[in-house]
Amino acid sequence: MKLGVVENLIRGADEKAIFSQAKRLGLDGVEVILSRQQLRDPGRARLAALKQAQRDSGLEISALMMNEHNRGGIASPDPAVAQAALEDIRQAIGWAAELQARLILVPFFAQAELVTPADLNRAAHAFRELCPLALSRGVKLGYEGLLAAPEVRRLAGEVNSKAFGCYFDMANIIGRGLDTALEIKALGALVTQVHLKEARIRPGDSHPGLGQVNYVESAKALAEIGYDGWIVLETPAAPPELLARDISFTRFHFPALREKVTWPKVGAFSWDFKRGQLDLLIDRFKSYGLTAVQLTGELLREALDQPASIPDMRARLEANSITVAGLGAYRNLVAPDENKRRANIAFVKQCLEVAPLFGTSVVATEAGTRHPDSDWQPSPENWSRDTWELLCTVLAELLPAAEQAGSILALESYVNNILQTPGQLLDLMERFPTKHLQFVADPYNDLSSHLLPAAERISADWLNRFEHRFVLAHLKDVSPEGAEIDTPEFGQGVYPQKLYLDFLRTRRPDLPLIIEHLPFDHIPAAIQRIHQIANE
C-alpha cells in the first residue's frame, strides 16, 4: 500500500516545493490536478515541471485529476463540451504514460453528475471510446462520483474494459445515505484507487476521525477485497503540522502504511544557548542525536532582532538534519500589568509573523496567570469570568495575525494558569473554530495533586479527546505532590510514561518530542529511557 496526497493540500509555490514538502511529510506520492490550459500548452511547461519535481523528490504521481470536468465532462449532453473533455483525457493519457502515473481520475460531480439513465449511457459511450487508448498506454480511467455500487457496476459492464475502474472516495457516498465499508465490499475489484476524507455533515468538511466515516470497518473491507493500492488524502487544506496529523491518523488505521514511520523524532529547547551560539547548538544537538529544536530564549530574540538572518539560520539547521519544530514564545497573555501584557502580545504576534521563515507554523505559549509577581503561580482571579473574557479578547487579536501569516498559535495548558481544564480547551475550540488555534501535547501540566490518584485514566481521556489538536509534544514528569508543585525531568516523577509514549508512537508519531526541564547533559539518558519504556 502507498500513501499520497492531492497536491492542493500542500503549501508550495510550485511543483518543486509541493513535492519536496510531500517528501518531508513521509508520503509516497502526489495526486496532480491538471487543467485544460496546461494540457493544451504547446510548450508543455507543466509536464516538464512535474517531471523535474519527480526526479528531485523521488516521489511518484499517484494519479492525474481532471477537476475542470465537473463543469461539464465526457458525459455532457452538449456535444461540443463532451468532445473537448474527450480530447483533454486523450492528452492526459499521454502525459500519464510519460509521468508513469497509472491512473486518470475522471470526476462526475456538480454539472457532470450522472443523474439519469441517459447520463450514464453517454458516460459509458465516452469511456468505451477512451479505454482502448488508455489500455495501450498502461493507464486506467477512474470514475469518481455519487453513484451507488450497483450503478457503478452497471457502468463498468457497459464499458467492458480492463482500463476502467472506480476511484472510490470514503466520504462522498456518506451524503447519499450509504455506508463506506459496505460500498467497498460491493464494488470489490472495481476499486482502483481510494481517496481518504471525512464527512461530518458533508464530504470534506472535517479532518479524519471527526465525522461519520468508519475507518476501522473501511480498512477491513479494503483488506477483504484484496486492495493494496494507493490511499490518497483529500482532507481539508491546512498547515503542514495538521496535514501530518491526518497522515498519522491514516497510517494508524491502515497497518500496511505503518512500515515507513520513524519514531521518535526527539528534540529539545534552545534555552541553554545564547546569542551567537547557533553553531554550538548544532554541535550539541548532533552529538546527542537530536533532530528538532523548539527555538526560544536568546537565540529566538536574536532572530527576531534580525529577521533577515532567519533563512540562513534555518538553512544551517536543516543542513545538519535539525528542523525547527516550533517557536517558544512563552508569555503571560493575561498579565495584570497592562503594559507588560501588551508587550507580551506584541512579542507573540512577532513570532507568528516570522514562524514560516523557520519552516514551522507553530508558535507555542502559555495562557498566563493573574498573579501579580509570577507568570507561573496561581491566582484566585484565574477562575474569574472577567479573566476568561480577557484571554478570549487576546486570542481574538492574535488569531487573525496567525491566519494572515499562515501560522498556528499553540496553547499550552498548566494547572497554575488560567487554562487548565479540558472544558476550557473545548470552550476555546468552539469560540475559535479555526485551524490556526491548536494545543501543545503536555499532559503533565494539568495533573494536579487532586487528579494524581487517577492519572492514567485522566491522561488517556485527555490525550484521546484532543488527539487531533496537538502540533507539538513535550516530555517531562510530574512531582508526587502534583504539577502545581513541580514538573521535573523525565523519569524523576510519578507520571505513567508508557501510556503517553504508546499514544505518541501509535497515534501521533509525527509530533516532534521536545524534552524539557532537565540539564542538557541528561538528554542521552532520557533518550535511552524513552526507548526502554516504549519497548516494554
Protein backbone atom coordinates (compact mmCIF):
# COMPACT_ATOMS: atom_id res chain seq x y z
CA MET A 1 0.00 0.00 0.00
CA LYS A 2 1.17 3.55 -0.76
CA LEU A 3 0.21 6.87 0.77
CA GLY A 4 -0.31 10.04 -1.25
CA VAL A 5 -1.95 13.43 -1.11
CA VAL A 6 -3.84 15.66 -3.52
CA GLU A 7 -1.49 18.50 -4.46
CA ASN A 8 -3.77 21.35 -3.35
CA LEU A 9 -3.49 20.22 0.28
CA ILE A 10 0.18 21.19 0.39
CA ARG A 11 1.55 24.70 0.77
CA GLY A 12 4.03 25.38 -2.01
CA ALA A 13 4.81 27.99 -4.62
CA ASP A 14 5.47 25.45 -7.39
CA GLU A 15 5.77 21.75 -8.19
CA LYS A 16 9.25 21.51 -6.67
CA ALA A 17 8.08 22.95 -3.35
CA ILE A 18 4.96 20.78 -3.26
CA PHE A 19 6.82 17.54 -3.96
CA SER A 20 9.58 18.50 -1.52
CA GLN A 21 7.04 19.12 1.25
CA ALA A 22 5.30 15.84 0.45
CA LYS A 23 8.60 14.03 0.83
CA ARG A 24 9.29 15.71 4.19
CA LEU A 25 5.88 14.52 5.34
CA GLY A 26 6.86 10.94 4.53
CA LEU A 27 4.46 10.48 1.62
CA ASP A 28 4.99 8.20 -1.36
CA GLY A 29 3.42 10.42 -3.99
CA VAL A 30 1.27 13.31 -5.08
CA GLU A 31 -2.00 13.40 -7.00
CA VAL A 32 -1.76 16.14 -9.62
CA ILE A 33 -4.62 18.39 -10.76
CA LEU A 34 -4.42 19.19 -14.49
CA SER A 35 -6.19 22.00 -16.34
CA ARG A 36 -7.20 22.18 -19.97
CA GLN A 37 -4.90 25.15 -20.47
CA GLN A 38 -1.92 23.15 -19.22
CA LEU A 39 -2.76 20.19 -21.45
CA ARG A 40 -3.09 22.43 -24.49
CA ASP A 41 0.14 24.35 -23.86
CA PRO A 42 2.42 23.65 -26.87
CA GLY A 43 5.47 24.10 -24.65
CA ARG A 44 4.14 21.55 -22.14
CA ALA A 45 5.63 23.61 -19.29
CA ARG A 46 3.60 21.88 -16.58
CA LEU A 47 4.65 18.46 -17.80
CA ALA A 48 8.32 19.45 -17.69
CA ALA A 49 7.93 20.90 -14.19
CA LEU A 50 6.25 17.72 -12.96
CA LYS A 51 8.98 15.53 -14.42
CA GLN A 52 11.63 17.63 -12.71
CA ALA A 53 9.79 17.54 -9.38
CA GLN A 54 9.58 13.76 -9.63
CA ARG A 55 13.30 13.45 -10.33
CA ASP A 56 14.26 15.80 -7.49
CA SER A 57 11.99 14.21 -4.88
CA GLY A 58 11.93 10.58 -5.93
CA LEU A 59 8.15 10.58 -5.41
CA GLU A 60 5.53 9.10 -7.68
CA ILE A 61 2.45 10.70 -9.19
CA SER A 62 -0.43 8.62 -7.89
CA ALA A 63 -2.96 9.95 -10.41
CA LEU A 64 -3.86 12.85 -12.68
CA MET A 65 -7.11 14.60 -11.76
CA MET A 66 -9.39 16.39 -14.23
CA ASN A 67 -11.23 18.74 -11.84
CA GLU A 68 -12.47 21.08 -14.58
CA HIS A 69 -14.68 18.30 -15.92
CA ASN A 70 -17.10 18.86 -13.04
CA ARG A 71 -18.26 21.90 -15.02
CA GLY A 72 -19.05 19.64 -17.96
CA GLY A 73 -17.24 16.44 -18.87
CA ILE A 74 -17.30 13.48 -21.20
CA ALA A 75 -20.97 12.71 -20.46
CA SER A 76 -22.21 16.24 -21.16
CA PRO A 77 -25.38 16.44 -23.31
CA ASP A 78 -23.65 19.28 -25.18
CA PRO A 79 -21.59 17.57 -27.90
CA ALA A 80 -19.02 20.36 -28.00
CA VAL A 81 -18.42 20.17 -24.25
CA ALA A 82 -18.18 16.38 -24.32
CA GLN A 83 -15.78 16.44 -27.28
CA ALA A 84 -13.46 18.93 -25.56
CA ALA A 85 -13.44 16.75 -22.44
CA LEU A 86 -12.62 13.66 -24.52
CA GLU A 87 -9.67 15.49 -26.03
CA ASP A 88 -8.49 16.50 -22.53
CA ILE A 89 -8.37 12.89 -21.45
CA ARG A 90 -6.61 11.76 -24.62
CA GLN A 91 -3.92 14.35 -23.90
CA ALA A 92 -3.83 13.34 -20.23
CA ILE A 93 -3.32 9.68 -21.14
CA GLY A 94 -0.14 10.67 -22.95
CA TRP A 95 1.02 12.74 -20.01
CA ALA A 96 0.23 9.90 -17.61
CA ALA A 97 2.35 7.50 -19.63
CA GLU A 98 5.29 9.93 -19.63
CA LEU A 99 4.94 10.57 -15.88
CA GLN A 100 4.43 6.87 -15.10
CA ALA A 101 1.12 7.74 -13.47
CA ARG A 102 -1.13 4.73 -13.80
CA LEU A 103 -4.49 6.41 -13.30
CA ILE A 104 -6.53 9.37 -14.51
CA LEU A 105 -9.35 10.47 -12.24
CA VAL A 106 -12.47 11.37 -14.24
CA PRO A 107 -14.91 13.20 -11.91
CA PHE A 108 -18.69 13.29 -12.16
CA PHE A 109 -19.86 15.90 -9.65
CA ALA A 110 -21.80 19.17 -9.89
CA GLN A 111 -22.77 19.77 -13.56
CA ALA A 112 -21.16 16.47 -14.56
CA GLU A 113 -23.10 14.27 -12.11
CA LEU A 114 -24.69 11.19 -13.67
CA VAL A 115 -28.36 11.52 -12.71
CA THR A 116 -30.43 9.94 -15.47
CA PRO A 117 -30.06 6.72 -17.46
CA ALA A 118 -29.17 8.87 -20.46
CA ASP A 119 -26.30 10.45 -18.49
CA LEU A 120 -24.95 7.02 -17.62
CA ASN A 121 -25.27 5.83 -21.20
CA ARG A 122 -23.32 8.84 -22.50
CA ALA A 123 -20.61 8.22 -19.89
CA ALA A 124 -20.37 4.56 -20.89
CA HIS A 125 -20.09 5.50 -24.57
CA ALA A 126 -17.30 8.00 -23.83
CA PHE A 127 -15.36 5.55 -21.67
CA ARG A 128 -15.66 2.89 -24.38
CA GLU A 129 -14.09 5.35 -26.81
CA LEU A 130 -11.23 6.26 -24.47
CA CYS A 131 -10.37 2.94 -22.84
CA PRO A 132 -8.55 1.31 -25.79
CA LEU A 133 -6.08 4.21 -25.89
CA ALA A 134 -5.67 4.11 -22.11
CA LEU A 135 -5.13 0.36 -22.15
CA SER A 136 -2.48 0.67 -24.86
CA ARG A 137 -0.53 3.17 -22.71
CA GLY A 138 -0.85 1.20 -19.45
CA VAL A 139 -3.22 3.75 -17.92
CA LYS A 140 -6.56 3.29 -16.16
CA LEU A 141 -9.50 5.69 -16.16
CA GLY A 142 -11.10 6.01 -12.73
CA TYR A 143 -14.75 7.05 -12.42
CA GLU A 144 -15.41 9.13 -9.28
CA GLY A 145 -18.91 10.26 -8.45
CA LEU A 146 -22.00 9.70 -6.37
CA LEU A 147 -23.39 6.51 -7.88
CA ALA A 148 -24.05 3.59 -5.55
CA ALA A 149 -22.17 0.35 -6.17
CA PRO A 150 -24.87 -1.32 -8.35
CA GLU A 151 -24.89 1.66 -10.74
CA VAL A 152 -21.08 1.73 -10.86
CA ARG A 153 -21.13 -1.96 -11.67
CA ARG A 154 -23.66 -1.32 -14.42
CA LEU A 155 -21.41 1.41 -15.85
CA ALA A 156 -18.43 -0.93 -15.72
CA GLY A 157 -20.42 -3.61 -17.52
CA GLU A 158 -21.36 -1.17 -20.27
CA VAL A 159 -17.74 -0.06 -20.69
CA ASN A 160 -16.37 -3.60 -20.52
CA SER A 161 -12.67 -2.72 -20.38
CA LYS A 162 -9.78 -3.54 -18.07
CA ALA A 163 -8.82 0.13 -18.36
CA PHE A 164 -11.95 1.19 -16.44
CA GLY A 165 -12.19 1.32 -12.66
CA CYS A 166 -13.73 3.17 -9.75
CA TYR A 167 -11.83 5.84 -7.87
CA PHE A 168 -13.56 5.28 -4.53
CA ASP A 169 -13.96 8.15 -2.07
CA MET A 170 -14.65 7.23 1.55
CA ALA A 171 -16.78 10.31 2.26
CA ASN A 172 -18.66 11.18 -0.93
CA ILE A 173 -21.27 8.45 -0.59
CA ILE A 174 -21.99 9.26 3.08
CA GLY A 175 -24.17 12.18 2.00
CA ARG A 176 -26.25 9.77 -0.10
CA GLY A 177 -27.10 7.64 2.91
CA LEU A 178 -24.63 4.89 2.05
CA ASP A 179 -22.00 3.13 4.15
CA THR A 180 -18.33 3.28 3.14
CA ALA A 181 -17.40 -0.26 4.14
CA LEU A 182 -20.47 -1.84 2.52
CA GLU A 183 -19.87 0.05 -0.74
CA ILE A 184 -16.24 -1.11 -0.82
CA LYS A 185 -17.33 -4.73 -0.47
CA ALA A 186 -19.99 -4.31 -3.13
CA LEU A 187 -17.53 -2.78 -5.60
CA GLY A 188 -14.81 -5.35 -4.96
CA ALA A 189 -12.12 -5.43 -7.64
CA LEU A 190 -13.58 -2.34 -9.32
CA VAL A 191 -11.93 -0.23 -6.59
CA THR A 192 -8.90 1.08 -8.47
CA GLN A 193 -7.79 3.82 -6.08
CA VAL A 194 -9.02 5.36 -2.83
CA HIS A 195 -9.48 8.91 -1.56
CA LEU A 196 -9.45 9.24 2.20
CA LYS A 197 -11.53 12.07 3.59
CA GLU A 198 -14.20 12.71 6.18
CA ALA A 199 -17.86 13.78 6.26
CA ARG A 200 -19.31 15.25 9.43
CA ILE A 201 -22.23 16.98 7.71
CA ARG A 202 -20.99 16.98 4.12
CA PRO A 203 -17.97 15.42 2.38
CA GLY A 204 -14.66 17.11 3.11
CA ASP A 205 -15.91 19.31 5.93
CA SER A 206 -13.66 17.96 8.69
CA HIS A 207 -10.47 16.10 9.41
CA PRO A 208 -10.42 12.27 9.53
CA GLY A 209 -11.93 10.75 12.64
CA LEU A 210 -14.23 13.68 13.39
CA GLY A 211 -17.19 12.64 11.26
CA GLN A 212 -19.26 9.70 10.11
CA VAL A 213 -16.77 7.57 8.17
CA ASN A 214 -15.96 4.30 9.94
CA TYR A 215 -12.28 3.90 9.12
CA VAL A 216 -11.86 0.66 11.07
CA GLU A 217 -14.54 -1.12 9.07
CA SER A 218 -13.45 0.54 5.84
CA ALA A 219 -9.89 -0.70 6.32
CA LYS A 220 -11.23 -4.20 6.96
CA ALA A 221 -13.35 -4.01 3.81
CA LEU A 222 -10.39 -2.96 1.68
CA ALA A 223 -8.36 -5.83 3.10
CA GLU A 224 -11.24 -8.20 2.39
CA ILE A 225 -11.34 -7.28 -1.32
CA GLY A 226 -7.55 -7.56 -1.52
CA TYR A 227 -6.91 -3.88 -2.17
CA ASP A 228 -3.22 -2.95 -1.95
CA GLY A 229 -3.02 0.29 -3.91
CA TRP A 230 -2.88 3.99 -3.10
CA ILE A 231 -4.60 5.72 -0.20
CA VAL A 232 -4.68 9.39 -1.21
CA LEU A 233 -5.56 12.06 1.33
CA GLU A 234 -8.15 14.60 0.23
CA THR A 235 -8.52 16.16 3.65
CA PRO A 236 -9.06 19.89 4.40
CA ALA A 237 -6.13 22.08 3.35
CA ALA A 238 -4.16 23.12 6.43
CA PRO A 239 -0.65 23.97 7.66
CA PRO A 240 1.84 21.08 7.37
CA GLU A 241 1.56 20.17 11.07
CA LEU A 242 -2.17 19.49 10.68
CA LEU A 243 -1.67 17.52 7.47
CA ALA A 244 0.96 15.50 9.37
CA ARG A 245 -1.71 14.61 11.92
CA ASP A 246 -4.05 13.37 9.17
CA ILE A 247 -1.20 11.29 7.77
CA SER A 248 -0.59 9.73 11.18
CA PHE A 249 -4.32 9.03 11.54
CA THR A 250 -4.31 7.26 8.19
CA ARG A 251 -1.24 5.17 8.99
CA PHE A 252 -2.79 4.16 12.31
CA HIS A 253 -5.94 2.84 10.62
CA PHE A 254 -4.16 1.14 7.71
CA PRO A 255 -1.42 -1.07 9.22
CA ALA A 256 0.18 -1.68 5.81
CA LEU A 257 1.17 2.01 5.79
CA ARG A 258 2.96 1.97 9.16
CA GLU A 259 6.21 0.41 8.00
CA LYS A 260 7.70 3.74 6.91
CA VAL A 261 7.07 5.51 10.23
CA THR A 262 10.20 6.63 12.06
CA TRP A 263 9.68 7.33 15.76
CA PRO A 264 10.63 9.15 17.90
CA LYS A 265 11.88 12.43 16.45
CA VAL A 266 13.48 13.83 19.61
CA GLY A 267 14.36 17.45 20.19
CA ALA A 268 14.98 19.99 22.93
CA PHE A 269 14.54 23.65 23.74
CA SER A 270 17.26 26.18 22.95
CA TRP A 271 17.20 27.76 26.43
CA ASP A 272 20.83 26.76 27.14
CA PHE A 273 22.24 28.67 24.16
CA LYS A 274 22.99 32.38 24.00
CA ARG A 275 23.13 34.82 21.10
CA GLY A 276 25.71 33.84 18.54
CA GLN A 277 25.74 30.18 19.69
CA LEU A 278 23.77 28.58 16.87
CA ASP A 279 26.83 26.56 15.79
CA LEU A 280 27.30 25.36 19.36
CA LEU A 281 23.63 24.30 19.46
CA ILE A 282 24.07 22.38 16.21
CA ASP A 283 27.15 20.58 17.53
CA ARG A 284 25.49 19.67 20.83
CA PHE A 285 22.24 18.56 19.19
CA LYS A 286 24.08 16.40 16.65
CA SER A 287 26.23 14.79 19.34
CA TYR A 288 23.07 13.72 21.21
CA GLY A 289 21.13 12.64 18.12
CA LEU A 290 18.55 15.43 18.44
CA THR A 291 16.76 16.28 15.19
CA ALA A 292 14.33 19.01 16.29
CA VAL A 293 14.54 22.24 18.24
CA GLN A 294 11.90 24.39 19.87
CA LEU A 295 13.56 27.75 19.41
CA THR A 296 13.22 30.14 22.34
CA GLY A 297 15.23 32.33 24.69
CA GLU A 298 18.17 34.37 23.44
CA LEU A 299 18.52 32.61 20.09
CA LEU A 300 14.91 33.41 19.28
CA ARG A 301 15.41 37.01 20.38
CA GLU A 302 18.47 37.25 18.16
CA ALA A 303 16.45 36.06 15.18
CA LEU A 304 13.59 38.46 15.89
CA ASP A 305 16.03 41.37 16.12
CA GLN A 306 17.48 40.42 12.71
CA PRO A 307 14.68 38.78 10.66
CA ALA A 308 16.87 38.83 7.55
CA SER A 309 19.11 36.26 9.26
CA ILE A 310 16.31 33.71 9.72
CA PRO A 311 16.59 31.97 6.32
CA ASP A 312 20.31 31.42 6.96
CA MET A 313 19.62 30.06 10.48
CA ARG A 314 17.06 27.66 9.04
CA ALA A 315 19.41 26.56 6.25
CA ARG A 316 22.25 25.87 8.71
CA LEU A 317 19.96 23.84 10.96
CA GLU A 318 18.41 21.83 8.13
CA ALA A 319 21.84 21.19 6.58
CA ASN A 320 22.59 19.37 9.83
CA SER A 321 19.27 17.46 9.86
CA ILE A 322 17.73 19.65 12.56
CA THR A 323 14.28 21.14 11.98
CA VAL A 324 12.60 23.93 13.91
CA ALA A 325 9.59 22.17 15.45
CA GLY A 326 8.16 25.41 16.77
CA LEU A 327 8.91 28.73 18.40
CA GLY A 328 8.68 29.07 22.16
CA ALA A 329 7.03 32.47 22.57
CA TYR A 330 6.04 31.82 26.18
CA ARG A 331 4.41 34.95 27.51
CA ASN A 332 1.70 35.74 30.06
CA LEU A 333 -1.31 36.73 27.95
CA VAL A 334 -3.44 37.86 30.92
CA ALA A 335 -0.76 39.64 32.98
CA PRO A 336 -2.38 42.14 35.38
CA ASP A 337 0.10 44.86 34.34
CA GLU A 338 -1.41 46.20 31.11
CA ASN A 339 1.91 47.46 29.72
CA LYS A 340 3.51 44.08 30.28
CA ARG A 341 0.50 42.33 28.75
CA ARG A 342 0.63 44.49 25.64
CA ALA A 343 4.35 43.84 25.27
CA ASN A 344 3.72 40.11 25.61
CA ILE A 345 1.01 40.16 22.96
CA ALA A 346 3.28 42.10 20.59
CA PHE A 347 6.04 39.54 21.11
CA VAL A 348 3.75 36.60 20.31
CA LYS A 349 2.49 38.43 17.21
CA GLN A 350 6.04 38.93 16.02
CA CYS A 351 6.74 35.23 16.46
CA LEU A 352 3.61 34.34 14.50
CA GLU A 353 4.73 36.58 11.66
CA VAL A 354 8.19 35.03 11.28
CA ALA A 355 7.49 31.37 12.12
CA PRO A 356 7.08 30.27 8.47
CA LEU A 357 10.55 31.64 7.71
CA PHE A 358 11.89 28.96 10.07
CA GLY A 359 9.97 26.22 8.24
CA THR A 360 7.41 25.81 11.00
CA SER A 361 3.86 27.01 11.57
CA VAL A 362 3.90 26.54 15.34
CA VAL A 363 4.23 29.28 17.94
CA ALA A 364 3.69 27.96 21.47
CA THR A 365 2.78 29.94 24.56
CA GLU A 366 1.10 29.55 27.91
CA ALA A 367 -2.17 31.40 28.52
CA GLY A 368 -0.86 33.03 31.68
CA THR A 369 -1.95 33.91 35.18
CA ARG A 370 -3.20 36.96 37.07
CA HIS A 371 -0.59 36.52 39.81
CA PRO A 372 0.99 39.97 40.35
CA ASP A 373 4.60 38.76 40.70
CA SER A 374 4.91 35.50 38.74
CA ASP A 375 3.95 34.08 35.35
CA TRP A 376 3.71 30.57 36.79
CA GLN A 377 1.96 30.88 40.15
CA PRO A 378 -1.82 30.56 40.62
CA SER A 379 -4.18 33.38 41.44
CA PRO A 380 -7.83 33.34 42.58
CA GLU A 381 -8.51 35.69 39.66
CA ASN A 382 -7.62 32.90 37.21
CA TRP A 383 -11.09 31.46 37.81
CA SER A 384 -12.99 34.69 37.27
CA ARG A 385 -15.20 35.27 34.26
CA ASP A 386 -13.52 38.59 33.59
CA THR A 387 -10.11 36.92 33.28
CA TRP A 388 -11.51 34.32 30.91
CA GLU A 389 -13.05 37.00 28.74
CA LEU A 390 -9.74 38.85 28.78
CA LEU A 391 -7.97 35.74 27.45
CA CYS A 392 -10.59 35.38 24.72
CA THR A 393 -10.13 39.05 23.77
CA VAL A 394 -6.38 38.50 23.47
CA LEU A 395 -6.89 35.40 21.33
CA ALA A 396 -9.30 37.33 19.12
CA GLU A 397 -6.41 39.70 18.46
CA LEU A 398 -3.71 37.06 17.98
CA LEU A 399 -5.53 34.56 15.78
CA PRO A 400 -6.06 36.91 12.81
CA ALA A 401 -2.31 37.55 12.90
CA ALA A 402 -1.72 33.80 12.87
CA GLU A 403 -4.10 33.34 9.96
CA GLN A 404 -2.51 36.13 7.95
CA ALA A 405 0.95 34.63 8.44
CA GLY A 406 -0.19 31.04 7.91
CA SER A 407 0.96 30.20 11.44
CA ILE A 408 -0.54 28.27 14.35
CA LEU A 409 -0.94 29.61 17.87
CA ALA A 410 -0.36 26.55 20.06
CA LEU A 411 -1.58 27.00 23.63
CA GLU A 412 -0.05 25.03 26.47
CA SER A 413 -2.28 24.48 29.47
CA TYR A 414 -0.99 24.45 33.06
CA VAL A 415 -2.66 23.88 36.38
CA ASN A 416 -1.39 27.16 37.86
CA ASN A 417 -2.52 29.25 34.88
CA ILE A 418 -5.93 30.31 33.65
CA LEU A 419 -6.04 27.49 31.05
CA GLN A 420 -6.05 24.21 32.95
CA THR A 421 -9.17 22.08 32.32
CA PRO A 422 -10.47 20.08 29.33
CA GLY A 423 -13.66 22.14 29.43
CA GLN A 424 -11.70 25.32 28.91
CA LEU A 425 -9.89 23.84 25.91
CA LEU A 426 -13.24 22.78 24.45
CA ASP A 427 -14.63 26.27 25.06
CA LEU A 428 -11.78 27.79 23.06
CA MET A 429 -12.30 25.27 20.25
CA GLU A 430 -15.95 26.30 19.98
CA ARG A 431 -15.30 30.03 20.28
CA PHE A 432 -12.47 29.99 17.77
CA PRO A 433 -13.21 27.31 15.15
CA THR A 434 -10.00 27.93 13.25
CA LYS A 435 -7.13 25.70 12.19
CA HIS A 436 -4.78 28.42 13.45
CA LEU A 437 -5.53 27.60 17.11
CA GLN A 438 -4.09 24.29 18.33
CA PHE A 439 -2.59 22.82 21.50
CA VAL A 440 0.71 21.52 22.84
CA ALA A 441 0.61 17.90 23.99
CA ASP A 442 1.92 18.28 27.54
CA PRO A 443 -0.26 16.01 29.69
CA TYR A 444 1.94 16.58 32.73
CA ASN A 445 0.93 20.20 33.24
CA ASP A 446 -2.68 19.55 34.23
CA LEU A 447 -2.18 16.68 36.68
CA SER A 448 -2.78 18.42 39.99
CA SER A 449 -2.42 16.61 43.29
CA HIS A 450 -6.21 16.10 43.24
CA LEU A 451 -6.03 14.15 39.98
CA LEU A 452 -2.90 12.06 40.53
CA PRO A 453 -4.80 9.06 42.01
CA ALA A 454 -6.44 8.62 38.57
CA ALA A 455 -3.51 9.83 36.49
CA GLU A 456 -3.65 7.06 33.89
CA ARG A 457 -7.39 7.32 33.24
CA ILE A 458 -7.41 11.11 33.17
CA SER A 459 -4.36 11.32 30.91
CA ALA A 460 -5.77 8.75 28.49
CA ASP A 461 -9.02 10.69 28.22
CA TRP A 462 -7.17 13.99 27.70
CA LEU A 463 -4.90 12.57 25.01
CA ASN A 464 -7.73 10.88 23.13
CA ARG A 465 -10.05 13.88 23.38
CA PHE A 466 -7.55 16.34 21.91
CA GLU A 467 -5.53 13.98 19.69
CA HIS A 468 -6.47 15.93 16.56
CA ARG A 469 -5.41 19.29 18.01
CA PHE A 470 -1.79 18.60 19.02
CA VAL A 471 1.01 20.16 16.96
CA LEU A 472 3.93 19.64 19.34
CA ALA A 473 4.71 17.21 22.19
CA HIS A 474 6.69 17.78 25.39
CA LEU A 475 8.38 15.23 27.58
CA LYS A 476 8.96 15.65 31.31
CA ASP A 477 7.31 14.32 34.51
CA VAL A 478 5.02 15.15 37.43
CA SER A 479 6.02 15.57 41.06
CA PRO A 480 4.40 13.25 43.66
CA GLU A 481 2.90 16.47 45.06
CA GLY A 482 1.26 17.30 41.73
CA ALA A 483 2.05 19.53 38.74
CA GLU A 484 1.20 22.64 40.77
CA ILE A 485 4.35 21.96 42.81
CA ASP A 486 6.75 20.73 40.13
CA THR A 487 7.07 19.09 36.72
CA PRO A 488 10.60 17.61 36.96
CA GLU A 489 12.69 15.97 34.28
CA PHE A 490 11.56 12.80 32.55
CA GLY A 491 11.90 9.77 34.83
CA GLN A 492 12.06 11.77 38.06
CA GLY A 493 8.35 11.75 38.93
CA VAL A 494 5.20 9.63 39.02
CA TYR A 495 3.60 10.16 35.60
CA PRO A 496 2.50 6.97 33.70
CA GLN A 497 5.02 7.49 30.89
CA LYS A 498 4.30 4.32 28.92
CA LEU A 499 0.73 5.43 28.33
CA TYR A 500 1.93 8.70 26.82
CA LEU A 501 4.77 7.21 24.78
CA ASP A 502 2.49 4.48 23.39
CA PHE A 503 0.00 7.16 22.37
CA LEU A 504 2.69 9.15 20.58
CA ARG A 505 4.24 6.11 18.90
CA THR A 506 0.96 4.70 17.58
CA ARG A 507 -1.36 7.68 17.20
CA ARG A 508 0.86 10.73 16.70
CA PRO A 509 4.33 9.62 15.55
CA ASP A 510 4.53 12.84 13.52
CA LEU A 511 4.86 15.02 16.62
CA PRO A 512 8.38 16.17 17.47
CA LEU A 513 9.06 15.11 21.08
CA ILE A 514 10.69 18.04 22.89
CA ILE A 515 12.47 17.09 26.12
CA GLU A 516 12.39 19.77 28.80
CA HIS A 517 13.14 20.59 32.45
CA LEU A 518 16.49 18.80 32.57
CA PRO A 519 20.20 19.64 32.33
CA PHE A 520 21.34 19.33 28.72
CA ASP A 521 23.84 16.60 29.52
CA HIS A 522 20.99 14.41 30.87
CA ILE A 523 19.45 14.16 27.40
CA PRO A 524 21.25 10.96 26.27
CA ALA A 525 19.97 9.11 29.34
CA ALA A 526 16.47 10.45 28.71
CA ILE A 527 16.52 9.22 25.13
CA GLN A 528 17.63 5.81 26.32
CA ARG A 529 14.73 5.74 28.80
CA ILE A 530 12.28 6.66 26.03
CA HIS A 531 13.25 3.59 24.06
CA GLN A 532 13.30 1.35 27.12
CA ILE A 533 9.81 2.35 28.22
CA ALA A 534 8.37 2.27 24.69
CA ASN A 535 9.68 -1.28 24.18
CA GLU A 536 8.44 -2.67 27.49
